[in-house]
Protein backbone atom coordinates (compact mmCIF):
# COMPACT_ATOMS: atom_id res chain seq x y z
CA MET A 1 0.23 -0.32 0.22
CA LYS A 2 1.22 3.18 -1.17
CA ARG A 3 2.60 5.73 2.10
CA ARG A 4 0.80 8.86 2.19
CA GLU A 5 2.59 11.90 3.35
CA ARG A 6 1.62 13.36 6.85
CA HIS A 7 1.40 17.00 7.13
CA GLN A 8 4.54 18.32 9.59
CA THR A 9 4.67 20.76 12.42
CA GLY A 10 8.51 20.73 12.25
CA SER A 11 11.11 20.59 14.99
CA VAL A 12 12.83 24.27 15.22
CA VAL A 13 16.49 23.35 16.62
CA GLU A 14 19.17 26.26 16.84
CA ILE A 15 22.68 25.93 15.58
CA GLY A 16 25.67 28.62 15.27
CA GLY A 17 23.64 31.23 16.32
CA ALA A 18 21.01 30.63 14.12
CA TYR A 19 17.49 28.83 14.54
CA HIS A 20 16.83 25.92 11.88
CA VAL A 21 13.46 24.06 11.13
CA ARG A 22 13.82 19.67 10.92
CA TYR A 23 11.46 18.19 8.77
CA TRP A 24 11.55 14.53 7.50
CA CYS A 25 11.12 13.59 3.54
CA ASP A 26 12.13 9.99 1.39
CA GLY A 27 16.56 10.80 0.79
CA THR A 28 19.24 8.39 0.63
CA LYS A 29 20.22 7.35 3.70
CA LYS A 30 24.35 6.99 4.89
CA ASP A 31 24.72 3.14 3.27
CA GLY A 32 23.00 4.51 0.23
CA ALA A 33 19.65 3.09 0.67
CA PRO A 34 16.40 4.88 -0.10
CA GLY A 35 14.58 5.47 3.10
CA ARG A 36 13.34 8.57 5.03
CA VAL A 37 16.21 10.87 6.49
CA GLN A 38 16.14 14.82 8.38
CA ARG A 39 16.51 17.95 6.21
CA SER A 40 16.82 21.15 7.74
CA VAL A 41 16.33 24.90 6.73
CA ARG A 42 17.69 27.66 8.18
CA LEU A 43 15.14 30.24 9.66
CA CYS A 44 16.93 32.78 11.05
CA ASP A 45 19.81 34.29 12.90
CA LYS A 46 19.35 34.68 16.85
CA ASP A 47 18.58 38.45 17.86
CA VAL A 48 16.54 40.22 20.22
CA GLN A 49 13.22 39.60 18.30
CA HIS A 50 13.86 35.87 17.36
CA TYR A 51 15.20 34.77 21.04
CA SER A 52 14.61 31.25 22.23
CA CYS A 53 13.10 27.95 19.57
CA ASP A 54 9.89 28.94 20.96
CA CYS A 55 9.33 32.01 20.81
CA LYS A 56 6.32 33.33 18.79
CA ALA A 57 8.61 34.65 16.24
CA VAL A 58 10.05 31.92 15.20
CA ARG A 59 7.30 29.71 15.62
CA MET A 60 5.16 32.20 13.07
CA LEU A 61 8.74 31.73 10.87
CA ARG A 62 8.68 27.57 11.42
CA ASP A 63 5.11 27.37 9.95
CA ASP A 64 5.83 29.15 7.19
CA ALA A 65 8.52 27.67 6.17
CA MET A 66 6.69 24.14 6.84
CA ARG A 67 4.05 25.09 5.44
CA LYS A 68 5.75 25.10 1.64
CA ILE A 69 7.68 22.36 2.42
CA ASN A 70 4.23 20.25 3.40
CA ALA A 71 2.79 21.81 0.10
CA ARG A 72 5.83 20.64 -2.19
CA GLN A 73 5.68 17.14 -0.92
CA SER A 74 1.91 16.54 -1.26
CA SER A 75 2.29 17.56 -5.12
CA GLN A 76 5.60 15.71 -5.40
CA GLN A 77 3.73 12.86 -4.21
CA ASP A 78 1.17 12.75 -6.75
CA LEU A 79 3.69 13.75 -9.97
CA LEU A 80 3.78 11.89 -12.65
CA VAL A 81 6.99 11.00 -14.61
CA LEU A 82 5.35 12.22 -17.48
CA ASP A 83 4.89 15.74 -16.21
CA TYR A 84 8.06 15.79 -14.87
CA TRP A 85 9.58 14.98 -17.96
CA THR A 86 7.35 17.83 -20.06
CA GLU A 87 7.52 20.28 -17.47
CA ILE A 88 10.81 20.27 -15.57
CA TYR A 89 13.57 18.13 -16.76
CA LEU A 90 12.68 18.70 -20.96
CA PRO A 91 13.05 22.87 -20.52
CA PHE A 92 16.48 22.45 -18.23
CA ALA A 93 18.07 20.23 -21.26
CA GLU A 94 16.59 22.22 -23.86
CA LYS A 95 18.66 25.07 -21.41
CA ASN A 96 21.91 23.04 -20.49
CA LEU A 97 22.34 19.65 -22.48
CA ARG A 98 23.90 19.78 -25.85
CA ALA A 99 21.92 19.86 -29.16
CA SER A 100 23.01 16.16 -30.43
CA THR A 101 22.35 14.90 -26.41
CA LEU A 102 19.18 16.81 -26.72
CA LEU A 103 18.18 15.08 -30.00
CA GLY A 104 18.71 11.83 -28.73
CA TYR A 105 17.13 11.68 -25.09
CA THR A 106 13.67 12.95 -27.32
CA GLN A 107 13.62 10.06 -29.13
CA ILE A 108 14.59 7.74 -27.31
CA TRP A 109 11.33 9.20 -24.53
CA SER A 110 9.04 9.86 -27.11
CA GLN A 111 10.03 5.69 -28.81
CA HIS A 112 10.47 4.04 -25.81
CA LEU A 113 10.49 5.82 -22.51
CA GLY A 114 6.95 7.99 -22.82
CA PRO A 115 5.15 4.85 -23.40
CA HIS A 116 6.80 3.10 -21.22
CA PHE A 117 6.41 5.33 -18.02
CA GLY A 118 2.49 6.20 -19.17
CA GLN A 119 0.99 7.47 -15.78
CA VAL A 120 3.36 6.19 -13.17
CA LYS A 121 3.73 8.67 -10.61
CA MET A 122 7.55 9.72 -9.89
CA ARG A 123 7.83 8.62 -5.85
CA ASP A 124 6.32 5.40 -6.97
CA TYR A 125 8.35 3.99 -10.02
CA THR A 126 11.43 1.69 -8.96
CA THR A 127 14.01 -0.15 -9.42
CA GLY A 128 12.27 -3.29 -10.40
CA MET A 129 9.66 -1.93 -12.97
CA ALA A 130 13.36 -0.22 -14.95
CA SER A 131 15.05 -3.72 -15.07
CA ARG A 132 11.85 -5.76 -15.76
CA PHE A 133 11.40 -2.88 -18.77
CA LEU A 134 15.25 -3.10 -19.42
CA THR A 135 14.92 -7.50 -19.58
CA GLY A 136 11.97 -6.37 -21.54
CA LEU A 137 14.13 -4.92 -24.34
CA ALA A 138 16.66 -6.75 -24.33
CA GLU A 139 14.54 -9.37 -26.97
CA LYS A 140 15.05 -7.26 -29.30
CA TYR A 141 17.46 -4.55 -28.82
CA GLY A 142 21.64 -5.09 -28.08
CA ARG A 143 23.69 -3.21 -25.34
CA ARG A 144 24.30 0.01 -27.09
CA THR A 145 20.76 0.89 -27.16
CA LEU A 146 19.99 -0.59 -24.13
CA ASN A 147 22.48 1.77 -22.21
CA HIS A 148 20.94 4.99 -24.52
CA ILE A 149 18.03 3.99 -23.29
CA ARG A 150 18.99 3.53 -19.57
CA SER A 151 20.91 6.93 -19.22
CA ALA A 152 18.22 8.91 -20.73
CA ALA A 153 16.00 7.86 -18.07
CA SER A 154 18.17 7.73 -15.54
CA ALA A 155 19.31 11.63 -16.26
CA ILE A 156 15.91 12.54 -15.72
CA PHE A 157 15.62 10.93 -12.18
CA SER A 158 19.21 11.96 -11.41
CA HIS A 159 17.52 15.56 -11.93
CA ALA A 160 14.58 14.69 -9.91
CA LEU A 161 16.37 13.14 -7.31
CA ASN A 162 18.56 16.80 -6.86
CA LEU A 163 15.83 18.57 -7.03
CA GLU A 164 13.90 16.45 -3.94
CA TYR A 165 11.18 14.85 -6.18
CA VAL A 166 12.23 11.12 -5.85
CA GLY A 167 13.98 9.96 -2.45
CA ALA A 168 16.46 7.98 -4.28
CA ASN A 169 17.29 7.12 -8.71
CA PRO A 170 15.62 4.03 -9.45
CA TRP A 171 17.70 3.59 -12.19
CA HIS A 172 21.08 3.22 -10.67
CA GLY A 173 21.50 -0.21 -10.32
CA ALA A 174 18.71 -0.66 -12.77
CA LYS A 175 20.13 -3.54 -15.56
CA ALA A 176 18.42 -5.90 -17.58
CA LEU A 177 18.48 -9.35 -16.57
CA GLY A 178 19.34 -12.44 -18.08
CA LYS A 179 20.90 -12.65 -22.14
CA ILE A 180 20.61 -10.03 -24.01
CA ARG A 181 20.64 -9.98 -28.19
CA GLU A 182 23.95 -9.83 -30.14
CA GLU A 183 24.46 -6.43 -31.23
CA ALA A 184 24.08 -5.84 -35.32
CA SER A 185 27.88 -4.91 -36.06
CA THR A 186 28.32 -1.30 -37.64
CA PRO A 187 28.47 -0.77 -41.12
CA HIS A 188 32.29 0.70 -41.97
CA TYR A 189 33.87 1.76 -46.14
CA THR A 190 37.00 0.02 -47.36
CA LEU A 191 38.86 2.31 -48.88
CA GLU A 192 37.58 0.74 -52.83
CA GLU A 193 34.72 1.04 -51.77
CA ALA A 194 35.26 5.21 -50.56
CA GLU A 195 37.11 5.84 -53.99
CA ASN A 196 34.17 4.02 -55.91
CA ILE A 197 31.13 6.60 -54.30
CA VAL A 198 34.02 9.35 -55.09
CA THR A 199 34.15 8.33 -58.52
CA ALA A 200 30.48 7.77 -58.97
CA LEU A 201 30.02 11.94 -57.28
CA ILE A 202 31.82 13.01 -60.27
CA ASP A 203 28.89 15.66 -60.86
CA ARG A 204 28.90 16.51 -57.79
CA PRO A 205 31.63 17.88 -56.36
CA ASP A 206 29.79 19.68 -52.95
CA ALA A 207 28.66 15.27 -52.51
CA GLN A 208 31.95 14.60 -52.84
CA LEU A 209 34.24 17.04 -51.00
CA LEU A 210 30.99 15.90 -48.09
CA PHE A 211 31.74 12.06 -48.02
CA ALA A 212 35.45 12.80 -48.68
CA PHE A 213 35.29 14.54 -44.83
CA ALA A 214 33.89 11.64 -43.47
CA PHE A 215 35.93 8.97 -44.87
CA PHE A 216 39.50 10.35 -45.48
CA MET A 217 39.63 12.54 -42.45
CA GLY A 218 37.02 10.52 -40.14
CA LEU A 219 34.73 14.10 -39.05
CA ARG A 220 31.42 13.03 -38.03
CA PRO A 221 28.14 14.54 -39.87
CA SER A 222 27.64 17.24 -37.60
CA GLU A 223 31.34 18.37 -37.59
CA ILE A 224 31.11 18.39 -41.20
CA VAL A 225 28.20 20.91 -42.47
CA GLY A 226 29.75 23.01 -39.12
CA LEU A 227 32.41 23.50 -40.95
CA GLN A 228 33.49 27.17 -42.60
CA TRP A 229 36.09 28.25 -45.53
CA GLY A 230 38.08 30.32 -42.59
CA ASP A 231 38.10 26.61 -40.60
CA ILE A 232 40.29 25.90 -43.98
CA ASP A 233 44.27 26.92 -44.18
CA ALA A 234 46.93 26.13 -46.05
CA ASP A 235 47.77 22.66 -44.26
CA TYR A 236 45.21 21.98 -41.74
CA VAL A 237 41.26 21.70 -41.49
CA HIS A 238 39.99 22.69 -37.73
CA ILE A 239 37.80 21.47 -36.32
CA ARG A 240 35.68 23.81 -34.16
CA ARG A 241 31.74 23.36 -33.51
CA ALA A 242 29.08 21.09 -34.60
CA CYS A 243 25.58 20.85 -35.98
CA VAL A 244 22.77 19.43 -35.23
CA ARG A 245 19.49 19.81 -37.15
CA GLY A 246 20.67 23.38 -37.74
CA HIS A 247 21.08 24.15 -34.02
CA LEU A 248 24.98 25.20 -33.85
CA ASP A 249 26.59 23.76 -30.42
CA VAL A 250 30.03 22.41 -29.26
CA CYS A 251 31.65 19.69 -30.08
CA LYS A 252 31.02 16.75 -28.81
CA THR A 253 34.23 16.35 -26.53
CA LYS A 254 37.45 19.22 -26.18
CA GLU A 255 38.74 16.42 -27.45
CA SER A 256 37.31 16.66 -30.86
CA MET A 257 38.34 20.48 -31.45
CA ALA A 258 41.11 19.66 -33.19
CA PRO A 259 42.88 20.40 -35.95
CA LEU A 260 43.24 17.68 -38.78
CA PRO A 261 45.89 17.42 -41.67
CA ILE A 262 44.58 18.45 -45.31
CA ILE A 263 45.70 15.26 -47.40
CA GLN A 264 44.09 14.10 -50.99
CA PRO A 265 41.67 14.14 -52.53
CA ILE A 266 40.03 16.53 -50.16
CA GLY A 267 42.64 19.55 -51.16
CA GLY A 268 42.12 19.09 -54.90
CA LEU A 269 38.11 18.59 -53.71
CA LEU A 270 38.48 21.99 -52.00
CA GLU A 271 39.98 23.92 -54.49
CA MET A 272 37.00 22.25 -56.84
CA TRP A 273 34.11 23.53 -54.78
CA ARG A 274 35.01 26.51 -53.31
CA PRO A 275 34.73 28.87 -56.33
CA LYS A 276 31.03 27.15 -57.31
CA CYS A 277 30.18 27.34 -53.26
CA PRO A 278 27.22 29.39 -53.26
CA ALA A 279 27.76 32.99 -51.43
CA SER A 280 27.40 32.64 -47.31
CA ALA A 281 27.00 35.75 -44.53
CA SER A 282 28.84 32.99 -42.33
CA GLY A 283 30.88 31.28 -44.61
CA TRP A 284 29.52 27.36 -44.79
CA ILE A 285 31.20 24.89 -46.83
CA PHE A 286 27.76 23.69 -46.81
CA PRO A 287 25.54 25.90 -47.07
CA SER A 288 21.48 25.07 -47.51
CA GLU A 289 19.35 27.25 -50.20
CA LYS A 290 18.95 29.82 -46.73
CA GLY A 291 22.86 30.55 -46.39
CA GLU A 292 22.93 28.62 -42.95
CA PRO A 293 24.26 25.34 -41.70
CA SER A 294 22.79 22.31 -44.49
CA SER A 295 21.43 18.86 -43.35
CA PRO A 296 23.57 15.63 -42.97
CA GLN A 297 20.22 13.81 -43.85
CA ASN A 298 19.17 15.93 -46.82
CA TRP A 299 22.36 15.67 -48.69
CA GLN A 300 22.11 11.59 -47.92
CA ARG A 301 18.51 11.86 -48.58
CA ARG A 302 18.69 14.21 -51.90
CA ILE A 303 21.43 13.71 -54.07
CA ILE A 304 23.73 11.21 -52.45
CA LYS A 305 21.29 7.85 -52.32
CA PRO A 306 19.95 8.35 -55.94
CA ILE A 307 22.96 8.77 -58.00
CA LEU A 308 24.82 5.75 -56.32
CA LYS A 309 21.39 3.64 -56.24
CA ALA A 310 21.21 4.63 -59.96
CA LYS A 311 24.63 3.12 -60.19
CA ASN A 312 24.11 -0.08 -58.32
CA ILE A 313 26.92 1.18 -55.72
CA PRO A 314 25.77 0.37 -51.81
CA TRP A 315 24.78 3.23 -49.48
CA LYS A 316 25.88 2.57 -45.64
CA GLY A 317 25.49 6.30 -43.75
CA LEU A 318 28.69 8.85 -43.38
CA TYR A 319 29.69 7.23 -40.37
CA ALA A 320 30.33 4.46 -41.96
CA GLY A 321 33.04 6.82 -43.28
CA ARG A 322 34.21 7.64 -39.98
CA ARG A 323 34.34 3.85 -39.03
CA GLY A 324 36.47 2.98 -42.43
CA ALA A 325 39.23 5.61 -41.61
CA GLY A 326 39.41 4.47 -38.27
CA THR A 327 40.18 0.91 -39.31
CA ILE A 328 42.17 1.49 -42.71
CA LEU A 329 44.51 3.36 -40.52
CA VAL A 330 44.74 0.91 -38.14
CA GLU A 331 45.34 -1.26 -41.42
CA LEU A 332 48.31 0.90 -42.02
CA THR A 333 49.97 2.11 -39.32
CA GLY A 334 50.00 -1.62 -37.08
CA ASN A 335 48.23 0.68 -34.37
CA LEU A 336 45.64 2.12 -32.84
CA VAL A 337 47.31 6.16 -32.30
CA ALA A 338 47.17 7.32 -35.57
CA ALA A 339 43.28 6.31 -35.87
CA GLN A 340 42.33 7.72 -32.51
CA GLU A 341 44.19 11.11 -32.92
CA LEU A 342 42.25 11.00 -36.11
CA LEU A 343 38.99 10.18 -34.68
CA ARG A 344 39.72 12.43 -31.74
CA HIS A 345 38.53 10.11 -29.04
CA LYS A 346 39.25 10.86 -25.74
CA THR A 347 40.44 7.30 -24.80
CA MET A 348 41.35 4.84 -26.97
CA THR A 349 39.32 2.30 -26.02
CA THR A 350 36.45 3.96 -28.36
CA THR A 351 38.51 3.74 -31.12
CA ALA A 352 39.13 0.26 -30.49
CA LEU A 353 35.82 -1.20 -29.62
CA SER A 354 33.33 0.97 -32.08
CA TYR A 355 35.35 2.27 -35.07
CA THR A 356 38.22 -0.11 -35.64
CA LYS A 357 36.57 -3.12 -38.03
CA LYS A 358 38.26 -6.47 -38.59
CA THR A 359 39.62 -6.87 -42.58
CA GLN A 360 40.37 -9.94 -43.90
CA SER A 361 44.34 -9.08 -44.72
CA ALA A 362 44.37 -8.04 -41.05
CA LEU A 363 45.36 -11.76 -40.06
CA ALA A 364 46.76 -12.81 -43.41
CA ASN A 365 49.75 -9.95 -43.22
CA GLY A 366 49.15 -10.55 -39.07
CA MET A 367 50.50 -14.13 -39.91
CA LYS A 368 53.08 -13.23 -42.17
CA LEU A 369 55.12 -11.11 -40.17
CA LEU A 370 54.99 -13.50 -37.41
CA GLU A 371 56.44 -15.83 -39.95
CA ALA A 372 59.18 -13.87 -40.91
CA ALA A 373 59.56 -12.91 -37.33
CA ALA A 374 60.13 -16.96 -36.65
CA GLN A 375 62.10 -17.44 -39.36
CA LYS A 376 64.82 -14.87 -38.24
């Protein structure tokens, strides 16, 4: 049975020459377990008018503070997760989160969390509910997707915990129980496939350059459309910003903001496209018809995919170019350092796990090196 929040009068204590009112609320105990904990709110300094814990002036301040606390606890008790998302968390996220993070959270809410939470109240939601939800999703989605969903839900409740709308984050420790569906491998381009795409786009130097930035320089789609001509000098492309669905944003991490050396065919494609590029007030390399940063989704859907489909060339997406860049650098250099610096990952683990793919020649080349070493 659900416990009803009882009306509290509060108790006044003197601490350090000031009066505080103490009250009980749901929270996290010292051992980390959820439960009833005591909180206090400062009322006033001790002075001639406020001379004791039980004087009239202090009691009035206590009663006023407790009316507000009781009203807040009463309203929080009935607050739906849906209402918290709409009225409190989403406005916070729109002001404080990166555009790409906000986009991801809103998509996850629309597809998964919104239907799941339904009419559940914030204080009624439990870790068991979260674990059962993730366990059901594990039959359809892989670990990466489950982690994204869990991260978004945990962010909502962590925010609520800090504002004292809940006593604990039920997503802390929640996990899928049992087997998780095997993660589908993410695609990447080989050098031959990338060259075939660049050749097929011969009549569109802008599309050639956009794809080349993904494959030969390992840029994220948001970084590509966020490029300005001022970011290009004789030897380097300087990654300074990202653009997500028309919203300018900082790069994903501080490591992502870095200069990358210009190689061919990037240099040649830049020379071909610059005199043909429509003028933009801000100097975007890939401006939209309105002179604003364009959308990578529009490039793929309206230009690149139709051309490649007509020539029977498969399209795996722009991110497959970034994965291909990391893979081919590891294949050519024999280590992860060059790939990590090109992809601008904070840790080499990310490069190894997500952006370097197995190639048919890797084992054969490695065995030849082992054979040569053994013969010596």
